[in-house]
């Protein structure tokens, strides 16, 4: 997103450097849906500090139709950057899961998991990022909100809608990451599971996350 916005914005501001500050982060292959993600686009040493932001957003959206849409663009402050970095928000996700078992064989287990309420996980730093982050144990919660089979003919695939605590590694919560996440959907459903696709449906208000943990 930073590059797509900068491509249009930087010539207008007549600047060379920028920084992007977003609320949370996701992998490159995760789509941000719903109302989107709050962000601050910081332009450094702009020679033209005031431009038409409505026009900027319209041009960014025009060039990136189907990939990116910016709404409510306005001038901000450094304090907003601090707010974004300190926000601890729960999120809602939709994931397409592929498992070794037929959906019909695990549907009852999914219903039991949903009925049991919140599940607490302990996640070690995932194998895919442990080379650049501290290898720690993190306790996180996750709620299964909804589940349904994928399209006809894909017997081992199903969709889940989940709500999770900030900082939860969703893909690993599904797969188990070779035992580094306990429990995981693979463990709870007693069959190997893999996240095929992942969408963020909503970033919830910070007070929702705090209330959920109370």
C-alpha atoms as a PDB file:
ATOM      1  CA  UNK A   1       0.000   0.000   0.000  1.00  0.00           C
ATOM      2  CA  UNK A   2       2.799   2.400   0.862  1.00  0.00           C
ATOM      3  CA  UNK A   3       4.325   2.129  -2.605  1.00  0.00           C
ATOM      4  CA  UNK A   4       0.979   2.509  -4.379  1.00  0.00           C
ATOM      5  CA  UNK A   5       0.168   5.655  -2.406  1.00  0.00           C
ATOM      6  CA  UNK A   6       3.677   7.075  -2.680  1.00  0.00           C
ATOM      7  CA  UNK A   7       3.727   6.666  -6.459  1.00  0.00           C
ATOM      8  CA  UNK A   8       0.970   9.263  -6.709  1.00  0.00           C
ATOM      9  CA  UNK A   9       1.605  11.356  -3.611  1.00  0.00           C
ATOM     10  CA  UNK A  10       5.325  12.026  -3.671  1.00  0.00           C
ATOM     11  CA  UNK A  11       5.451  14.002  -6.944  1.00  0.00           C
ATOM     12  CA  UNK A  12       2.604  16.186  -5.673  1.00  0.00           C
ATOM     13  CA  UNK A  13       4.314  16.905  -2.377  1.00  0.00           C
ATOM     14  CA  UNK A  14       7.648  17.257  -4.194  1.00  0.00           C
ATOM     15  CA  UNK A  15       9.342  15.021  -1.639  1.00  0.00           C
ATOM     16  CA  UNK A  16      11.623  11.990  -1.809  1.00  0.00           C
ATOM     17  CA  UNK A  17      11.110  10.192   1.490  1.00  0.00           C
ATOM     18  CA  UNK A  18       8.060   8.898   3.309  1.00  0.00           C
ATOM     19  CA  UNK A  19       7.068   6.583   6.129  1.00  0.00           C
ATOM     20  CA  UNK A  20       3.964   4.440   6.504  1.00  0.00           C
ATOM     21  CA  UNK A  21       2.367   3.811   9.894  1.00  0.00           C
ATOM     22  CA  UNK A  22      -0.528   1.348   9.919  1.00  0.00           C
ATOM     23  CA  UNK A  23      -2.733  -0.111  12.637  1.00  0.00           C
ATOM     24  CA  UNK A  24      -1.309  -3.602  12.938  1.00  0.00           C
ATOM     25  CA  UNK A  25       0.267  -5.632  10.170  1.00  0.00           C
ATOM     26  CA  UNK A  26      -0.495  -8.657   8.040  1.00  0.00           C
ATOM     27  CA  UNK A  27       1.321 -10.888   5.575  1.00  0.00           C
ATOM     28  CA  UNK A  28       1.517  -9.704   1.983  1.00  0.00           C
ATOM     29  CA  UNK A  29      -1.038 -12.297   0.836  1.00  0.00           C
ATOM     30  CA  UNK A  30      -3.717 -11.255   3.361  1.00  0.00           C
ATOM     31  CA  UNK A  31      -6.494  -9.007   2.084  1.00  0.00           C
ATOM     32  CA  UNK A  32      -7.807  -6.121   4.193  1.00  0.00           C
ATOM     33  CA  UNK A  33     -11.583  -5.953   3.731  1.00  0.00           C
ATOM     34  CA  UNK A  34     -14.429  -4.342   5.667  1.00  0.00           C
ATOM     35  CA  UNK A  35     -13.842  -0.710   6.592  1.00  0.00           C
ATOM     36  CA  UNK A  36     -10.107  -1.029   6.064  1.00  0.00           C
ATOM     37  CA  UNK A  37      -7.067  -0.226   8.180  1.00  0.00           C
ATOM     38  CA  UNK A  38      -6.317   3.196   9.738  1.00  0.00           C
ATOM     39  CA  UNK A  39      -2.926   4.544   8.687  1.00  0.00           C
ATOM     40  CA  UNK A  40      -0.721   7.622   8.617  1.00  0.00           C
ATOM     41  CA  UNK A  41       1.355   8.386   5.530  1.00  0.00           C
ATOM     42  CA  UNK A  42       4.222  10.606   6.664  1.00  0.00           C
ATOM     43  CA  UNK A  43       5.888  12.783   4.021  1.00  0.00           C
ATOM     44  CA  UNK A  44       9.349  14.026   4.957  1.00  0.00           C
ATOM     45  CA  UNK A  45      10.639  17.454   3.893  1.00  0.00           C
ATOM     46  CA  UNK A  46       7.829  18.194   1.459  1.00  0.00           C
ATOM     47  CA  UNK A  47       8.465  21.209  -0.695  1.00  0.00           C
ATOM     48  CA  UNK A  48       4.695  21.491  -1.259  1.00  0.00           C
ATOM     49  CA  UNK A  49       3.185  20.691   2.173  1.00  0.00           C
ATOM     50  CA  UNK A  50      -0.443  21.418   1.261  1.00  0.00           C
ATOM     51  CA  UNK A  51      -2.165  19.579  -1.589  1.00  0.00           C
ATOM     52  CA  UNK A  52      -5.725  18.549  -2.437  1.00  0.00           C
ATOM     53  CA  UNK A  53      -6.106  15.295  -0.498  1.00  0.00           C
ATOM     54  CA  UNK A  54      -9.490  14.483  -2.025  1.00  0.00           C
ATOM     55  CA  UNK A  55      -7.937  14.681  -5.466  1.00  0.00           C
ATOM     56  CA  UNK A  56      -4.975  12.595  -4.307  1.00  0.00           C
ATOM     57  CA  UNK A  57      -7.221   9.841  -2.967  1.00  0.00           C
ATOM     58  CA  UNK A  58      -9.300   9.835  -6.144  1.00  0.00           C
ATOM     59  CA  UNK A  59      -6.199   9.405  -8.310  1.00  0.00           C
ATOM     60  CA  UNK A  60      -4.770   6.640  -6.107  1.00  0.00           C
ATOM     61  CA  UNK A  61      -8.099   4.816  -6.273  1.00  0.00           C
ATOM     62  CA  UNK A  62      -8.365   5.290 -10.023  1.00  0.00           C
ATOM     63  CA  UNK A  63      -4.914   3.840 -10.651  1.00  0.00           C
ATOM     64  CA  UNK A  64      -5.456   0.921  -8.280  1.00  0.00           C
ATOM     65  CA  UNK A  65      -9.067  -0.046  -8.932  1.00  0.00           C
ATOM     66  CA  UNK A  66      -9.673  -3.528  -7.608  1.00  0.00           C
ATOM     67  CA  UNK A  67      -6.474  -3.495  -5.546  1.00  0.00           C
ATOM     68  CA  UNK A  68      -6.733  -0.570  -3.178  1.00  0.00           C
ATOM     69  CA  UNK A  69      -9.256   2.042  -2.063  1.00  0.00           C
ATOM     70  CA  UNK A  70      -8.533   5.019   0.185  1.00  0.00           C
ATOM     71  CA  UNK A  71     -11.357   6.795   2.000  1.00  0.00           C
ATOM     72  CA  UNK A  72     -11.425   9.687   4.456  1.00  0.00           C
ATOM     73  CA  UNK A  73      -7.920  10.938   3.704  1.00  0.00           C
ATOM     74  CA  UNK A  74      -7.068  13.996   5.827  1.00  0.00           C
ATOM     75  CA  UNK A  75      -4.105  15.755   7.387  1.00  0.00           C
ATOM     76  CA  UNK A  76      -2.933  14.258  10.666  1.00  0.00           C
ATOM     77  CA  UNK A  77      -0.367  14.783  13.428  1.00  0.00           C
ATOM     78  CA  UNK A  78       2.554  12.949  15.035  1.00  0.00           C
ATOM     79  CA  UNK A  79       0.375  12.094  18.019  1.00  0.00           C
ATOM     80  CA  UNK A  80      -1.792   9.979  15.730  1.00  0.00           C
ATOM     81  CA  UNK A  81       1.273   7.934  14.792  1.00  0.00           C
ATOM     82  CA  UNK A  82       1.823   7.168  18.484  1.00  0.00           C
ATOM     83  CA  UNK A  83      -1.837   6.198  18.863  1.00  0.00           C
ATOM     84  CA  UNK A  84      -1.643   3.756  15.955  1.00  0.00           C
ATOM     85  CA  UNK A  85       1.505   2.114  17.290  1.00  0.00           C
ATOM     86  CA  UNK A  86       0.000   1.689  20.753  1.00  0.00           C
ATOM     87  CA  UNK A  87      -3.418   0.435  19.621  1.00  0.00           C
ATOM     88  CA  UNK A  88      -4.103  -3.142  20.742  1.00  0.00           C
ATOM     89  CA  UNK A  89      -7.110  -4.197  18.722  1.00  0.00           C
ATOM     90  CA  UNK A  90      -8.839  -7.513  18.339  1.00  0.00           C
ATOM     91  CA  UNK A  91      -9.547  -8.464  14.730  1.00  0.00           C
ATOM     92  CA  UNK A  92     -12.047 -10.529  12.819  1.00  0.00           C
ATOM     93  CA  UNK A  93     -10.789 -12.817  10.075  1.00  0.00           C
ATOM     94  CA  UNK A  94     -12.197 -15.112   7.436  1.00  0.00           C
ATOM     95  CA  UNK A  95      -9.998 -18.062   6.509  1.00  0.00           C
ATOM     96  CA  UNK A  96     -10.258 -20.780   3.906  1.00  0.00           C
ATOM     97  CA  UNK A  97      -8.953 -23.962   5.524  1.00  0.00           C
ATOM     98  CA  UNK A  98      -7.819 -27.119   3.759  1.00  0.00           C
ATOM     99  CA  UNK A  99      -7.693 -30.243   5.894  1.00  0.00           C
ATOM    100  CA  UNK A 100      -6.952 -33.931   5.417  1.00  0.00           C
ATOM    101  CA  UNK A 101     -10.425 -34.970   6.572  1.00  0.00           C
ATOM    102  CA  UNK A 102     -13.745 -34.626   4.798  1.00  0.00           C
ATOM    103  CA  UNK A 103     -15.728 -31.632   6.055  1.00  0.00           C
ATOM    104  CA  UNK A 104     -18.638 -33.863   7.029  1.00  0.00           C
ATOM    105  CA  UNK A 105     -16.335 -35.775   9.376  1.00  0.00           C
ATOM    106  CA  UNK A 106     -15.257 -32.693  11.322  1.00  0.00           C
ATOM    107  CA  UNK A 107     -18.432 -30.598  11.233  1.00  0.00           C
ATOM    108  CA  UNK A 108     -19.513 -31.840  14.665  1.00  0.00           C
ATOM    109  CA  UNK A 109     -16.107 -30.995  16.141  1.00  0.00           C
ATOM    110  CA  UNK A 110     -16.332 -27.491  14.700  1.00  0.00           C
ATOM    111  CA  UNK A 111     -19.760 -27.101  16.316  1.00  0.00           C
ATOM    112  CA  UNK A 112     -18.346 -28.247  19.661  1.00  0.00           C
ATOM    113  CA  UNK A 113     -15.445 -25.819  19.355  1.00  0.00           C
ATOM    114  CA  UNK A 114     -17.786 -22.950  18.589  1.00  0.00           C
ATOM    115  CA  UNK A 115     -20.085 -23.854  21.485  1.00  0.00           C
ATOM    116  CA  UNK A 116     -17.184 -24.114  23.937  1.00  0.00           C
ATOM    117  CA  UNK A 117     -16.452 -20.403  23.575  1.00  0.00           C
ATOM    118  CA  UNK A 118     -13.072 -18.739  23.767  1.00  0.00           C
ATOM    119  CA  UNK A 119      -9.948 -20.848  23.255  1.00  0.00           C
ATOM    120  CA  UNK A 120      -6.625 -19.791  24.771  1.00  0.00           C
ATOM    121  CA  UNK A 121      -3.541 -20.549  22.700  1.00  0.00           C
ATOM    122  CA  UNK A 122       0.158 -20.501  23.502  1.00  0.00           C
ATOM    123  CA  UNK A 123       2.156 -19.610  20.405  1.00  0.00           C
ATOM    124  CA  UNK A 124       5.885 -19.702  19.978  1.00  0.00           C
ATOM    125  CA  UNK A 125       7.274 -17.286  17.407  1.00  0.00           C
ATOM    126  CA  UNK A 126       6.441 -18.925  14.052  1.00  0.00           C
ATOM    127  CA  UNK A 127       9.186 -20.759  12.208  1.00  0.00           C
ATOM    128  CA  UNK A 128       8.767 -18.441   9.221  1.00  0.00           C
ATOM    129  CA  UNK A 129       9.734 -15.321  11.227  1.00  0.00           C
ATOM    130  CA  UNK A 130      11.790 -16.667  14.148  1.00  0.00           C
ATOM    131  CA  UNK A 131      15.022 -15.796  12.317  1.00  0.00           C
ATOM    132  CA  UNK A 132      14.223 -12.100  12.729  1.00  0.00           C
ATOM    133  CA  UNK A 133      12.149 -12.019  15.937  1.00  0.00           C
ATOM    134  CA  UNK A 134      12.708 -13.194  19.496  1.00  0.00           C
ATOM    135  CA  UNK A 135      11.618 -16.780  20.069  1.00  0.00           C
ATOM    136  CA  UNK A 136       8.985 -16.232  22.752  1.00  0.00           C
ATOM    137  CA  UNK A 137       5.844 -17.914  24.047  1.00  0.00           C
ATOM    138  CA  UNK A 138       2.777 -15.711  23.602  1.00  0.00           C
ATOM    139  CA  UNK A 139      -0.624 -16.420  25.141  1.00  0.00           C
ATOM    140  CA  UNK A 140      -3.500 -15.360  22.878  1.00  0.00           C
ATOM    141  CA  UNK A 141      -7.242 -16.010  22.629  1.00  0.00           C
ATOM    142  CA  UNK A 142      -9.376 -16.886  19.652  1.00  0.00           C
ATOM    143  CA  UNK A 143     -13.154 -17.235  19.101  1.00  0.00           C
ATOM    144  CA  UNK A 144     -14.725 -19.344  16.370  1.00  0.00           C
ATOM    145  CA  UNK A 145     -17.713 -17.303  15.182  1.00  0.00           C
ATOM    146  CA  UNK A 146     -18.880 -19.196  12.116  1.00  0.00           C
ATOM    147  CA  UNK A 147     -17.973 -22.143   9.892  1.00  0.00           C
ATOM    148  CA  UNK A 148     -19.324 -23.502   6.630  1.00  0.00           C
ATOM    149  CA  UNK A 149     -18.177 -25.807   3.842  1.00  0.00           C
ATOM    150  CA  UNK A 150     -16.363 -24.468   0.803  1.00  0.00           C
ATOM    151  CA  UNK A 151     -17.738 -24.870  -2.708  1.00  0.00           C
ATOM    152  CA  UNK A 152     -19.092 -28.224  -3.800  1.00  0.00           C
ATOM    153  CA  UNK A 153     -16.398 -30.659  -4.848  1.00  0.00           C
ATOM    154  CA  UNK A 154     -13.834 -29.443  -2.307  1.00  0.00           C
ATOM    155  CA  UNK A 155     -14.540 -32.013   0.388  1.00  0.00           C
ATOM    156  CA  UNK A 156     -11.630 -31.090   2.651  1.00  0.00           C
ATOM    157  CA  UNK A 157     -12.032 -27.315   2.500  1.00  0.00           C
ATOM    158  CA  UNK A 158     -14.151 -25.084   4.692  1.00  0.00           C
ATOM    159  CA  UNK A 159     -14.467 -21.427   5.702  1.00  0.00           C
ATOM    160  CA  UNK A 160     -14.172 -20.149   9.251  1.00  0.00           C
ATOM    161  CA  UNK A 161     -14.850 -16.694  10.654  1.00  0.00           C
ATOM    162  CA  UNK A 162     -12.884 -15.998  13.803  1.00  0.00           C
ATOM    163  CA  UNK A 163     -12.162 -13.184  16.224  1.00  0.00           C
ATOM    164  CA  UNK A 164      -8.719 -13.073  17.798  1.00  0.00           C
ATOM    165  CA  UNK A 165      -6.587 -11.092  20.179  1.00  0.00           C
ATOM    166  CA  UNK A 166      -4.043  -8.650  18.764  1.00  0.00           C
ATOM    167  CA  UNK A 167      -0.763 -10.320  17.873  1.00  0.00           C
ATOM    168  CA  UNK A 168      -2.272 -13.732  17.138  1.00  0.00           C
ATOM    169  CA  UNK A 169      -0.587 -15.615  14.310  1.00  0.00           C
ATOM    170  CA  UNK A 170      -3.683 -16.868  12.515  1.00  0.00           C
ATOM    171  CA  UNK A 171      -2.063 -19.198   9.992  1.00  0.00           C
ATOM    172  CA  UNK A 172      -0.178 -20.942  12.781  1.00  0.00           C
ATOM    173  CA  UNK A 173      -3.318 -21.072  14.953  1.00  0.00           C
ATOM    174  CA  UNK A 174      -4.819 -23.120  12.138  1.00  0.00           C
ATOM    175  CA  UNK A 175      -1.873 -25.357  11.218  1.00  0.00           C
ATOM    176  CA  UNK A 176      -0.167 -25.719  14.585  1.00  0.00           C
ATOM    177  CA  UNK A 177       3.221 -24.829  13.072  1.00  0.00           C
ATOM    178  CA  UNK A 178       4.698 -28.272  13.839  1.00  0.00           C
ATOM    179  CA  UNK A 179       3.618 -28.078  17.468  1.00  0.00           C
ATOM    180  CA  UNK A 180       4.728 -24.496  18.100  1.00  0.00           C
ATOM    181  CA  UNK A 181       1.102 -23.404  18.593  1.00  0.00           C
ATOM    182  CA  UNK A 182      -0.942 -25.267  21.213  1.00  0.00           C
ATOM    183  CA  UNK A 183      -3.743 -25.967  20.796  1.00  0.00           C
ATOM    184  CA  UNK A 184      -4.416 -25.333  17.105  1.00  0.00           C
ATOM    185  CA  UNK A 185      -7.268 -26.141  14.760  1.00  0.00           C
ATOM    186  CA  UNK A 186      -5.237 -29.126  13.551  1.00  0.00           C
ATOM    187  CA  UNK A 187      -5.034 -30.397  17.118  1.00  0.00           C
ATOM    188  CA  UNK A 188      -8.612 -29.591  18.103  1.00  0.00           C
ATOM    189  CA  UNK A 189     -10.069 -31.150  14.954  1.00  0.00           C
ATOM    190  CA  UNK A 190      -7.610 -34.058  15.034  1.00  0.00           C
ATOM    191  CA  UNK A 191      -6.631 -33.607  11.394  1.00  0.00           C
ATOM    192  CA  UNK A 192      -3.919 -31.662   9.600  1.00  0.00           C
ATOM    193  CA  UNK A 193      -5.181 -28.199   8.619  1.00  0.00           C
ATOM    194  CA  UNK A 194      -3.662 -25.521   6.426  1.00  0.00           C
ATOM    195  CA  UNK A 195      -4.707 -21.909   5.799  1.00  0.00           C
ATOM    196  CA  UNK A 196      -5.235 -21.478   2.054  1.00  0.00           C
ATOM    197  CA  UNK A 197      -6.502 -17.868   2.082  1.00  0.00           C
ATOM    198  CA  UNK A 198      -6.949 -15.241   4.777  1.00  0.00           C
ATOM    199  CA  UNK A 199      -8.922 -11.984   4.881  1.00  0.00           C
ATOM    200  CA  UNK A 200      -9.170  -9.361   7.619  1.00  0.00           C
ATOM    201  CA  UNK A 201     -12.851  -8.489   7.962  1.00  0.00           C
ATOM    202  CA  UNK A 202     -12.557  -5.884  10.703  1.00  0.00           C
ATOM    203  CA  UNK A 203     -10.171  -4.182  13.086  1.00  0.00           C
ATOM    204  CA  UNK A 204     -12.172  -3.726  16.253  1.00  0.00           C
ATOM    205  CA  UNK A 205     -12.073  -0.726  18.558  1.00  0.00           C
ATOM    206  CA  UNK A 206      -9.364  -0.918  21.267  1.00  0.00           C
ATOM    207  CA  UNK A 207     -11.902  -0.932  24.079  1.00  0.00           C
ATOM    208  CA  UNK A 208     -13.517  -4.052  22.566  1.00  0.00           C
ATOM    209  CA  UNK A 209     -10.214  -5.864  22.878  1.00  0.00           C
ATOM    210  CA  UNK A 210      -9.693  -4.671  26.448  1.00  0.00           C
ATOM    211  CA  UNK A 211     -13.196  -5.705  27.482  1.00  0.00           C
ATOM    212  CA  UNK A 212     -12.749  -9.103  25.917  1.00  0.00           C
ATOM    213  CA  UNK A 213      -9.627  -9.734  27.965  1.00  0.00           C
ATOM    214  CA  UNK A 214     -11.085  -8.488  31.244  1.00  0.00           C
END
